[in-house]
Amino acid sequence: MNEKTHFGFKEVDVNKKAGHVGEVFHSVAEEYDLMNDAMSFGMHRIWKKILIELSELSEGSVVLDIASGTADIPKLINKKFKSVSVHVTDINESMLALGRDRAINENFFHNCSFALASGESLPYQDHTFDLVTVGFGLRNFTDKLKGLKEMRRVLRPNGVLLILEFSRPTNSFFSKVYDWYSFNIIPRLGSLLANDSESYQYLAESIRMHPDQETLRGMVFESGFTECKFYNLVNGVVAIHKAK
């Protein structure tokens, strides 16, 4: 029998999940930035800036950004550090093309390289990067632990991993409000702004299926990291895990 995993609230064959996720992001690519602003009230921009503040980057560092999407994180890095080299990757062709085009149009292309790559099987040698970042991408992995082990493998000694991801609110009342917003408002925004409510229904479901803060911290340790702490943002709606 085929091994099963979750795709949102649905159960699918493990070997089919990546294809389903790919279809979602091909569908939402063109309106991705607009929807991010609408769903988070623009706060995702602040969260990504906080991520960079935690990065311990310095000039000359080498960075891998996984699930780069439209390259928000590489853009912020390039703006602050002019000699940092950023490897921009995504498993989805549509998203990677948008990130590359944006880098050209907004003039942060010169320190970036682009690769179609899975975070679960990275095409890089061991101990290549000073920093690995993944923003709102880990929850879409088929095998999160495998991905975390790959991130550890490509980091140099004392390298830093930063994971920015939706998580679990720490307040029960706020959690109920957030659930209502996620399953009533987000799909409607998807229908209104992107003509695609089903993809945004999946995105809301994928957030609920993602490990909570402590569980993900445990997975980071299981993958071989020796230090990991997390920072809750907006009452735990979003968390940044920082590992070494």
Foldseek 3Di string as FASTA:
>chain_A
DADWDDQQPDIDGLVCLVVVLLVLCVQCQVCVVVLVCVLVVPCVLVVLVVLVVPQPDDAPFEEEEEQCFLNSNLVSCCVVHVRYAYEYEYQHPSRQVNNQVCCVVVVVNPRYDYDNDDLLDDPDAFQAGQEYEYEAPLLSDSDNLSSLLSVNRNHHVNHKYKYKHFAAFPDPVVRVVVLCCQQPPSLVCCCVRRVGSPSSNSSSSSSVVDYHDVVVQVSNVVSPFDDWDKDADPRRRMIMIMTD
